[in-house]
Amino acid sequence: CGMHVVQAASSGDGGSLKGWSAIGGKDCSLFLFRALGKILYCKRDSSGGGDVVRLSSRTRTLPVHLKEHERDPLLTKPEDVLDQTDLSSDMFVLYLHQNYIGIFDDLEQIVRGAEYLSDAAVLGHMWSDSSSEKGVLQSYCSSVACRGLMHSSGGWHRPPPPPSGP
């Protein structure tokens, strides 16, 4: 998946160890996998009352035709995860795109996730290439992609077990 620290050191950038943290010598790329997990295995607050969505001070349920889109509130804000990564938002979304198919259980979840990723990509290419607009737009696109994948997964599920031996 990602480039190892040894590969980064020998990749012609003067031998610097960009993958190592300044204190303790830990591999910073482990946070990438943790951040991907926070998005792909999104945890939700199931104590919120089941099918109830809280809007301002009142409690409402979604209309019947939108019941399939109801979800419990997220425990993690995807924008906070994006802010804490050392990657650009575009690169983080590419990692999500590479890894979400193996995580989702159902073909409908995969299709819905692909739709959100496509929406984010189209949104990113609709605007001009000026640097000030592109920076703001990248954060919106990555938010659409992350929130879309979190919505598509339907909530936390246990990772699949490793394959059994012969």
N, C-alpha and C. Protein backbone atom coordinates (compact mmCIF):
# COMPACT_ATOMS: atom_id res chain seq x y z
N CYS A 1 0.83 -1.21 0.00
CA CYS A 1 0.00 0.00 0.00
C CYS A 1 0.86 1.25 0.00
N GLY A 2 1.41 1.62 1.16
CA GLY A 2 2.18 2.85 1.24
C GLY A 2 3.67 2.58 1.11
N MET A 3 4.43 3.63 0.97
CA MET A 3 5.87 3.51 0.83
C MET A 3 6.49 3.32 2.21
N HIS A 4 7.37 2.35 2.32
CA HIS A 4 8.03 2.10 3.59
C HIS A 4 9.05 3.18 3.88
N VAL A 5 9.42 3.30 5.13
CA VAL A 5 10.38 4.32 5.54
C VAL A 5 11.72 4.10 4.85
N VAL A 6 12.13 2.84 4.71
CA VAL A 6 13.40 2.54 4.06
C VAL A 6 13.36 2.99 2.61
N GLN A 7 12.23 2.76 1.93
CA GLN A 7 12.10 3.21 0.55
C GLN A 7 12.12 4.72 0.47
N ALA A 8 11.50 5.40 1.42
CA ALA A 8 11.49 6.87 1.42
C ALA A 8 12.90 7.41 1.60
N ALA A 9 13.69 6.75 2.44
CA ALA A 9 15.04 7.22 2.70
C ALA A 9 15.95 7.01 1.49
N SER A 10 15.67 5.98 0.72
CA SER A 10 16.52 5.69 -0.42
C SER A 10 15.94 6.17 -1.74
N SER A 11 14.93 7.02 -1.70
CA SER A 11 14.25 7.43 -2.93
C SER A 11 14.87 8.65 -3.57
N GLY A 12 16.05 9.06 -3.14
CA GLY A 12 16.74 10.15 -3.79
C GLY A 12 16.45 11.52 -3.20
N ASP A 13 15.90 11.59 -2.02
CA ASP A 13 15.62 12.90 -1.41
C ASP A 13 16.71 13.28 -0.41
N GLY A 14 17.92 12.84 -0.67
CA GLY A 14 19.04 13.21 0.20
C GLY A 14 19.17 12.32 1.42
N GLY A 15 18.46 11.21 1.45
CA GLY A 15 18.58 10.29 2.56
C GLY A 15 17.82 10.70 3.80
N SER A 16 16.93 11.69 3.69
CA SER A 16 16.17 12.10 4.88
C SER A 16 15.14 11.04 5.21
N LEU A 17 14.82 10.94 6.47
CA LEU A 17 13.84 9.97 6.94
C LEU A 17 12.52 10.67 7.21
N LYS A 18 11.80 11.03 6.14
CA LYS A 18 10.54 11.75 6.29
C LYS A 18 9.49 10.90 6.99
N GLY A 19 9.58 9.59 6.87
CA GLY A 19 8.58 8.71 7.46
C GLY A 19 8.75 8.51 8.96
N TRP A 20 9.83 8.98 9.52
CA TRP A 20 10.09 8.79 10.95
C TRP A 20 9.68 10.03 11.71
N SER A 21 9.07 9.86 12.84
CA SER A 21 8.75 11.01 13.68
C SER A 21 10.01 11.52 14.36
N ALA A 22 9.97 12.75 14.80
CA ALA A 22 11.14 13.37 15.40
C ALA A 22 11.48 12.74 16.75
N ILE A 23 10.49 12.26 17.47
CA ILE A 23 10.73 11.72 18.81
C ILE A 23 10.37 10.24 18.80
N GLY A 24 11.29 9.40 19.18
CA GLY A 24 10.99 7.99 19.34
C GLY A 24 11.23 7.15 18.11
N GLY A 25 11.37 7.73 16.94
CA GLY A 25 11.65 6.97 15.74
C GLY A 25 10.52 6.09 15.27
N LYS A 26 9.27 6.44 15.56
CA LYS A 26 8.14 5.63 15.12
C LYS A 26 7.79 5.97 13.68
N ASP A 27 7.21 5.01 13.00
CA ASP A 27 6.81 5.19 11.61
C ASP A 27 5.51 5.99 11.57
N CYS A 28 5.54 7.17 10.98
CA CYS A 28 4.37 8.04 10.92
C CYS A 28 3.29 7.51 9.99
N SER A 29 3.67 6.59 9.10
CA SER A 29 2.67 6.07 8.17
C SER A 29 1.62 5.22 8.87
N LEU A 30 1.89 4.78 10.11
CA LEU A 30 0.88 4.03 10.84
C LEU A 30 -0.36 4.89 11.10
N PHE A 31 -0.17 6.21 11.24
CA PHE A 31 -1.33 7.05 11.44
C PHE A 31 -2.22 7.06 10.21
N LEU A 32 -1.63 6.91 9.03
CA LEU A 32 -2.42 6.85 7.81
C LEU A 32 -3.41 5.69 7.88
N PHE A 33 -2.96 4.52 8.30
CA PHE A 33 -3.84 3.37 8.38
C PHE A 33 -4.90 3.56 9.45
N ARG A 34 -4.53 4.22 10.52
CA ARG A 34 -5.50 4.52 11.58
C ARG A 34 -6.56 5.50 11.07
N ALA A 35 -6.13 6.51 10.32
CA ALA A 35 -7.06 7.49 9.76
C ALA A 35 -7.99 6.83 8.73
N LEU A 36 -7.44 5.97 7.90
CA LEU A 36 -8.28 5.24 6.94
C LEU A 36 -9.31 4.40 7.67
N GLY A 37 -8.89 3.77 8.76
CA GLY A 37 -9.81 2.95 9.54
C GLY A 37 -10.92 3.75 10.17
N LYS A 38 -10.61 4.98 10.61
CA LYS A 38 -11.65 5.82 11.20
C LYS A 38 -12.73 6.17 10.19
N ILE A 39 -12.37 6.28 8.92
CA ILE A 39 -13.35 6.58 7.88
C ILE A 39 -14.05 5.30 7.42
N LEU A 40 -13.28 4.27 7.10
CA LEU A 40 -13.85 3.06 6.51
C LEU A 40 -14.62 2.20 7.51
N TYR A 41 -14.18 2.17 8.76
CA TYR A 41 -14.89 1.43 9.81
C TYR A 41 -15.57 2.42 10.74
N CYS A 42 -16.31 3.34 10.18
CA CYS A 42 -16.86 4.45 10.97
C CYS A 42 -17.71 3.92 12.12
N LYS A 43 -17.48 4.47 13.28
CA LYS A 43 -18.26 4.11 14.46
C LYS A 43 -19.35 5.15 14.65
N ARG A 44 -20.50 4.68 15.09
CA ARG A 44 -21.65 5.55 15.29
C ARG A 44 -22.17 5.42 16.71
N ASP A 45 -22.83 6.47 17.17
CA ASP A 45 -23.41 6.49 18.50
C ASP A 45 -24.79 5.85 18.43
N SER A 46 -24.86 4.61 18.83
CA SER A 46 -26.13 3.88 18.73
C SER A 46 -27.06 4.18 19.91
N SER A 47 -26.62 4.96 20.88
CA SER A 47 -27.47 5.29 22.02
C SER A 47 -28.39 6.47 21.72
N GLY A 48 -28.35 6.95 20.47
CA GLY A 48 -29.13 8.12 20.10
C GLY A 48 -30.61 7.87 19.87
N GLY A 49 -31.10 6.70 20.15
CA GLY A 49 -32.52 6.46 20.03
C GLY A 49 -32.92 5.77 18.75
N GLY A 50 -32.02 5.06 18.11
CA GLY A 50 -32.38 4.27 16.94
C GLY A 50 -32.66 5.10 15.71
N ASP A 51 -33.94 5.14 15.29
CA ASP A 51 -34.33 5.81 14.05
C ASP A 51 -34.60 7.29 14.22
N VAL A 52 -34.08 7.91 15.24
CA VAL A 52 -34.38 9.31 15.51
C VAL A 52 -33.20 10.18 15.10
N VAL A 53 -33.48 11.22 14.34
CA VAL A 53 -32.46 12.19 13.95
C VAL A 53 -32.73 13.47 14.72
N ARG A 54 -31.72 14.00 15.41
CA ARG A 54 -31.92 15.20 16.21
C ARG A 54 -31.62 16.44 15.37
N LEU A 55 -32.61 17.29 15.22
CA LEU A 55 -32.46 18.55 14.51
C LEU A 55 -32.79 19.67 15.47
N SER A 56 -31.81 20.53 15.74
CA SER A 56 -31.90 21.62 16.71
C SER A 56 -32.44 21.08 18.03
N SER A 57 -33.48 21.69 18.56
CA SER A 57 -33.98 21.24 19.86
C SER A 57 -35.10 20.21 19.72
N ARG A 58 -35.61 20.02 18.52
CA ARG A 58 -36.69 19.07 18.30
C ARG A 58 -36.17 17.74 17.80
N THR A 59 -36.94 16.68 18.01
CA THR A 59 -36.58 15.36 17.53
C THR A 59 -37.56 14.97 16.44
N ARG A 60 -37.00 14.55 15.28
CA ARG A 60 -37.83 14.15 14.15
C ARG A 60 -37.29 12.86 13.56
N THR A 61 -38.15 12.17 12.87
CA THR A 61 -37.70 11.04 12.08
C THR A 61 -37.76 11.46 10.62
N LEU A 62 -36.98 10.78 9.81
CA LEU A 62 -36.99 11.08 8.38
C LEU A 62 -38.29 10.59 7.76
N PRO A 63 -38.71 11.19 6.65
CA PRO A 63 -39.91 10.71 5.96
C PRO A 63 -39.71 9.27 5.49
N VAL A 64 -40.81 8.61 5.21
CA VAL A 64 -40.79 7.19 4.85
C VAL A 64 -39.89 6.93 3.64
N HIS A 65 -39.94 7.82 2.65
CA HIS A 65 -39.16 7.58 1.44
C HIS A 65 -37.65 7.78 1.64
N LEU A 66 -37.24 8.29 2.80
CA LEU A 66 -35.81 8.47 3.09
C LEU A 66 -35.31 7.56 4.21
N LYS A 67 -36.13 6.63 4.67
CA LYS A 67 -35.75 5.77 5.79
C LYS A 67 -34.46 4.99 5.54
N GLU A 68 -34.19 4.63 4.30
CA GLU A 68 -32.97 3.88 4.01
C GLU A 68 -31.70 4.70 4.23
N HIS A 69 -31.84 6.02 4.34
CA HIS A 69 -30.69 6.89 4.54
C HIS A 69 -30.47 7.29 5.99
N GLU A 70 -31.30 6.82 6.89
CA GLU A 70 -31.13 7.14 8.31
C GLU A 70 -29.91 6.43 8.87
N ARG A 71 -29.14 7.16 9.65
CA ARG A 71 -27.97 6.61 10.32
C ARG A 71 -27.88 7.22 11.71
N ASP A 72 -27.25 6.49 12.61
CA ASP A 72 -26.94 7.05 13.92
C ASP A 72 -25.84 8.11 13.75
N PRO A 73 -25.72 9.04 14.70
CA PRO A 73 -24.68 10.08 14.60
C PRO A 73 -23.27 9.48 14.60
N LEU A 74 -22.38 10.11 13.86
CA LEU A 74 -20.99 9.67 13.80
C LEU A 74 -20.26 10.01 15.10
N LEU A 75 -19.34 9.16 15.50
CA LEU A 75 -18.49 9.45 16.65
C LEU A 75 -17.25 10.24 16.24
N THR A 76 -16.89 10.20 14.97
CA THR A 76 -15.71 10.88 14.46
C THR A 76 -16.11 11.83 13.36
N LYS A 77 -15.60 13.05 13.43
CA LYS A 77 -15.82 14.00 12.34
C LYS A 77 -14.75 13.75 11.27
N PRO A 78 -15.15 13.45 10.03
CA PRO A 78 -14.15 13.16 9.01
C PRO A 78 -13.23 14.35 8.72
N GLU A 79 -13.73 15.56 8.88
CA GLU A 79 -12.89 16.73 8.65
C GLU A 79 -11.74 16.81 9.66
N ASP A 80 -11.99 16.37 10.89
CA ASP A 80 -10.93 16.33 11.89
C ASP A 80 -9.86 15.30 11.52
N VAL A 81 -10.29 14.15 11.01
CA VAL A 81 -9.35 13.13 10.57
C VAL A 81 -8.50 13.66 9.42
N LEU A 82 -9.13 14.33 8.47
CA LEU A 82 -8.40 14.90 7.33
C LEU A 82 -7.39 15.94 7.79
N ASP A 83 -7.77 16.76 8.76
CA ASP A 83 -6.86 17.80 9.25
C ASP A 83 -5.63 17.21 9.95
N GLN A 84 -5.78 16.03 10.54
CA GLN A 84 -4.69 15.43 11.31
C GLN A 84 -3.72 14.60 10.46
N THR A 85 -4.08 14.33 9.21
CA THR A 85 -3.19 13.54 8.37
C THR A 85 -2.12 14.43 7.75
N ASP A 86 -1.01 13.84 7.42
CA ASP A 86 0.08 14.57 6.77
C ASP A 86 -0.06 14.59 5.26
N LEU A 87 -1.06 13.92 4.75
CA LEU A 87 -1.29 13.84 3.30
C LEU A 87 -2.18 14.97 2.83
N SER A 88 -2.10 15.27 1.55
CA SER A 88 -3.07 16.19 0.97
C SER A 88 -4.43 15.50 0.96
N SER A 89 -5.48 16.28 0.92
CA SER A 89 -6.81 15.69 0.93
C SER A 89 -7.04 14.83 -0.30
N ASP A 90 -6.49 15.24 -1.45
CA ASP A 90 -6.63 14.43 -2.67
C ASP A 90 -5.98 13.06 -2.51
N MET A 91 -4.78 13.04 -1.94
CA MET A 91 -4.07 11.78 -1.76
C MET A 91 -4.79 10.88 -0.75
N PHE A 92 -5.34 11.47 0.31
CA PHE A 92 -6.08 10.68 1.29
C PHE A 92 -7.31 10.05 0.66
N VAL A 93 -8.01 10.80 -0.19
CA VAL A 93 -9.18 10.25 -0.87
C VAL A 93 -8.77 9.13 -1.82
N LEU A 94 -7.62 9.25 -2.45
CA LEU A 94 -7.13 8.17 -3.31
C LEU A 94 -6.87 6.89 -2.50
N TYR A 95 -6.31 7.04 -1.30
CA TYR A 95 -6.12 5.87 -0.42
C TYR A 95 -7.47 5.27 -0.04
N LEU A 96 -8.46 6.11 0.24
CA LEU A 96 -9.79 5.60 0.55
C LEU A 96 -10.36 4.83 -0.64
N HIS A 97 -10.21 5.42 -1.82
CA HIS A 97 -10.72 4.80 -3.04
C HIS A 97 -10.06 3.44 -3.26
N GLN A 98 -8.80 3.33 -2.96
CA GLN A 98 -8.06 2.08 -3.15
C GLN A 98 -8.52 1.00 -2.18
N ASN A 99 -8.96 1.38 -0.98
CA ASN A 99 -9.18 0.40 0.08
C ASN A 99 -10.63 0.14 0.46
N TYR A 100 -11.58 0.94 0.00
CA TYR A 100 -12.94 0.78 0.52
C TYR A 100 -13.63 -0.48 0.01
N ILE A 101 -13.29 -0.97 -1.16
CA ILE A 101 -14.00 -2.11 -1.74
C ILE A 101 -13.83 -3.36 -0.88
N GLY A 102 -12.64 -3.58 -0.36
CA GLY A 102 -12.40 -4.76 0.47
C GLY A 102 -13.04 -4.68 1.84
N ILE A 103 -13.51 -3.50 2.24
CA ILE A 103 -14.06 -3.30 3.57
C ILE A 103 -15.58 -3.49 3.57
N PHE A 104 -16.24 -2.99 2.54
CA PHE A 104 -17.70 -3.02 2.51
C PHE A 104 -18.21 -4.44 2.26
N ASP A 105 -19.33 -4.77 2.90
CA ASP A 105 -19.87 -6.12 2.86
C ASP A 105 -20.78 -6.38 1.65
N ASP A 106 -21.44 -5.37 1.18
CA ASP A 106 -22.53 -5.53 0.24
C ASP A 106 -22.23 -4.77 -1.05
N LEU A 107 -22.69 -5.30 -2.17
CA LEU A 107 -22.48 -4.64 -3.45
C LEU A 107 -23.16 -3.28 -3.50
N GLU A 108 -24.32 -3.15 -2.87
CA GLU A 108 -25.01 -1.85 -2.84
C GLU A 108 -24.18 -0.81 -2.09
N GLN A 109 -23.49 -1.21 -1.03
CA GLN A 109 -22.62 -0.30 -0.31
C GLN A 109 -21.46 0.15 -1.20
N ILE A 110 -20.91 -0.77 -1.96
CA ILE A 110 -19.80 -0.44 -2.86
C ILE A 110 -20.25 0.53 -3.94
N VAL A 111 -21.43 0.28 -4.51
CA VAL A 111 -21.95 1.16 -5.57
C VAL A 111 -22.23 2.55 -5.01
N ARG A 112 -22.84 2.62 -3.84
CA ARG A 112 -23.13 3.92 -3.24
C ARG A 112 -21.84 4.66 -2.90
N GLY A 113 -20.85 3.95 -2.41
CA GLY A 113 -19.55 4.57 -2.13
C GLY A 113 -18.90 5.10 -3.40
N ALA A 114 -18.99 4.34 -4.48
CA ALA A 114 -18.43 4.79 -5.77
C ALA A 114 -19.16 6.03 -6.27
N GLU A 115 -20.45 6.11 -6.03
CA GLU A 115 -21.21 7.30 -6.43
C GLU A 115 -20.72 8.54 -5.68
N TYR A 116 -20.50 8.41 -4.39
CA TYR A 116 -20.01 9.55 -3.61
C TYR A 116 -18.60 9.95 -4.04
N LEU A 117 -17.74 8.96 -4.29
CA LEU A 117 -16.39 9.28 -4.77
C LEU A 117 -16.44 9.97 -6.13
N SER A 118 -17.35 9.53 -6.99
CA SER A 118 -17.51 10.17 -8.30
C SER A 118 -18.05 11.59 -8.16
N ASP A 119 -19.01 11.77 -7.26
CA ASP A 119 -19.54 13.12 -7.02
C ASP A 119 -18.43 14.07 -6.56
N ALA A 120 -17.58 13.59 -5.67
CA ALA A 120 -16.48 14.42 -5.17
C ALA A 120 -15.50 14.75 -6.30
N ALA A 121 -15.23 13.78 -7.17
CA ALA A 121 -14.30 14.02 -8.28
C ALA A 121 -14.88 15.03 -9.27
N VAL A 122 -16.16 14.89 -9.59
CA VAL A 122 -16.80 15.83 -10.51
C VAL A 122 -16.83 17.23 -9.91
N LEU A 123 -17.17 17.32 -8.64
CA LEU A 123 -17.20 18.61 -7.97
C LEU A 123 -15.83 19.28 -8.01
N GLY A 124 -14.79 18.51 -7.86
CA GLY A 124 -13.44 19.06 -7.87
C GLY A 124 -13.00 19.58 -9.22
N HIS A 125 -13.57 19.07 -10.28
CA HIS A 125 -13.17 19.50 -11.62
C HIS A 125 -14.10 20.55 -12.21
N MET A 126 -15.12 20.96 -11.48
CA MET A 126 -16.09 21.92 -12.00
C MET A 126 -15.61 23.36 -11.87
N TRP A 127 -14.68 23.62 -10.98
CA TRP A 127 -14.29 24.98 -10.69
C TRP A 127 -13.00 25.35 -11.38
N SER A 128 -12.66 26.60 -11.34
CA SER A 128 -11.44 27.07 -12.00
C SER A 128 -10.20 26.55 -11.30
N ASP A 129 -9.07 26.76 -11.91
CA ASP A 129 -7.82 26.24 -11.37
C ASP A 129 -7.06 27.25 -10.51
N SER A 130 -7.69 28.36 -10.13
CA SER A 130 -6.98 29.32 -9.30
C SER A 130 -6.68 28.68 -7.94
N SER A 131 -5.53 28.99 -7.40
CA SER A 131 -5.06 28.31 -6.19
C SER A 131 -5.95 28.59 -4.98
N SER A 132 -6.51 29.78 -4.86
CA SER A 132 -7.33 30.08 -3.69
C SER A 132 -8.64 29.29 -3.72
N GLU A 133 -9.26 29.17 -4.88
CA GLU A 133 -10.50 28.40 -4.98
C GLU A 133 -10.24 26.91 -4.87
N LYS A 134 -9.13 26.46 -5.43
CA LYS A 134 -8.84 25.04 -5.44
C LYS A 134 -8.58 24.51 -4.03
N GLY A 135 -7.93 25.29 -3.17
CA GLY A 135 -7.67 24.85 -1.80
C GLY A 135 -8.94 24.64 -1.01
N VAL A 136 -9.87 25.57 -1.13
CA VAL A 136 -11.15 25.44 -0.44
C VAL A 136 -11.95 24.30 -1.03
N LEU A 137 -11.93 24.20 -2.35
CA LEU A 137 -12.70 23.17 -3.03
C LEU A 137 -12.19 21.78 -2.69
N GLN A 138 -10.88 21.61 -2.54
CA GLN A 138 -10.34 20.30 -2.19
C GLN A 138 -10.86 19.84 -0.84
N SER A 139 -10.99 20.76 0.10
CA SER A 139 -11.50 20.35 1.41
C SER A 139 -12.97 19.93 1.32
N TYR A 140 -13.75 20.62 0.49
CA TYR A 140 -15.14 20.22 0.30
C TYR A 140 -15.24 18.85 -0.39
N CYS A 141 -14.42 18.66 -1.41
CA CYS A 141 -14.45 17.39 -2.14
C CYS A 141 -14.05 16.22 -1.25
N SER A 142 -13.02 16.41 -0.44
CA SER A 142 -12.60 15.33 0.45
C SER A 142 -13.65 15.08 1.52
N SER A 143 -14.34 16.13 1.96
CA SER A 143 -15.41 15.95 2.93
C SER A 143 -16.57 15.16 2.32
N VAL A 144 -16.93 15.47 1.07
CA VAL A 144 -17.99 14.73 0.38
C VAL A 144 -17.59 13.26 0.25
N ALA A 145 -16.35 13.01 -0.15
CA ALA A 145 -15.88 11.63 -0.32
C ALA A 145 -15.90 10.87 1.01
N CYS A 146 -15.33 11.47 2.06
CA CYS A 146 -15.26 10.79 3.36
C CYS A 146 -16.64 10.56 3.96
N ARG A 147 -17.45 11.61 3.98
CA ARG A 147 -18.79 11.46 4.55
C ARG A 147 -19.64 10.50 3.72
N GLY A 148 -19.45 10.52 2.41
CA GLY A 148 -20.18 9.60 1.55
C GLY A 148 -19.82 8.15 1.82
N LEU A 149 -18.53 7.88 1.99
CA LEU A 149 -18.12 6.51 2.31
C LEU A 149 -18.61 6.10 3.68
N MET A 150 -18.57 7.02 4.63
CA MET A 150 -19.07 6.71 5.97
C MET A 150 -20.57 6.44 5.95
N HIS A 151 -21.29 7.18 5.14
CA HIS A 151 -22.73 6.96 5.01
C HIS A 151 -23.00 5.64 4.30
N SER A 152 -22.21 5.34 3.29
CA SER A 152 -22.42 4.12 2.51
C SER A 152 -22.17 2.86 3.30
N SER A 153 -21.23 2.92 4.23
CA SER A 153 -20.89 1.71 4.98
C SER A 153 -21.99 1.30 5.94
N GLY A 154 -22.82 2.22 6.34
CA GLY A 154 -23.92 1.88 7.23
C GLY A 154 -23.51 1.73 8.68
N GLY A 155 -22.27 1.95 9.01
CA GLY A 155 -21.84 1.87 10.40
C GLY A 155 -20.73 0.88 10.60
N TRP A 156 -20.28 0.78 11.84
CA TRP A 156 -19.14 -0.06 12.15
C TRP A 156 -19.50 -1.52 12.00
N HIS A 157 -18.57 -2.25 11.44
CA HIS A 157 -18.69 -3.71 11.38
C HIS A 157 -17.31 -4.30 11.61
N ARG A 158 -17.29 -5.50 12.13
CA ARG A 158 -16.03 -6.16 12.46
C ARG A 158 -15.27 -6.48 11.18
N PRO A 159 -13.96 -6.22 11.17
CA PRO A 159 -13.15 -6.56 10.00
C PRO A 159 -13.27 -8.05 9.68
N PRO A 160 -13.15 -8.41 8.41
CA PRO A 160 -13.27 -9.83 8.07
C PRO A 160 -12.13 -10.65 8.69
N PRO A 161 -12.41 -11.89 9.06
CA PRO A 161 -11.36 -12.72 9.66
C PRO A 161 -10.32 -13.08 8.60
N PRO A 162 -9.09 -13.33 9.03
CA PRO A 162 -8.08 -13.75 8.06
C PRO A 162 -8.44 -15.12 7.48
N PRO A 163 -7.99 -15.40 6.26
CA PRO A 163 -8.32 -16.70 5.67
C PRO A 163 -7.71 -17.84 6.47
N SER A 164 -8.44 -18.90 6.56
CA SER A 164 -7.94 -20.05 7.33
C SER A 164 -6.96 -20.86 6.48
N GLY A 165 -6.10 -21.58 7.14
CA GLY A 165 -5.09 -22.38 6.46
C GLY A 165 -5.68 -23.59 5.77
N PRO A 166 -4.85 -24.32 5.02
CA PRO A 166 -5.34 -25.50 4.27
C PRO A 166 -5.75 -26.65 5.10
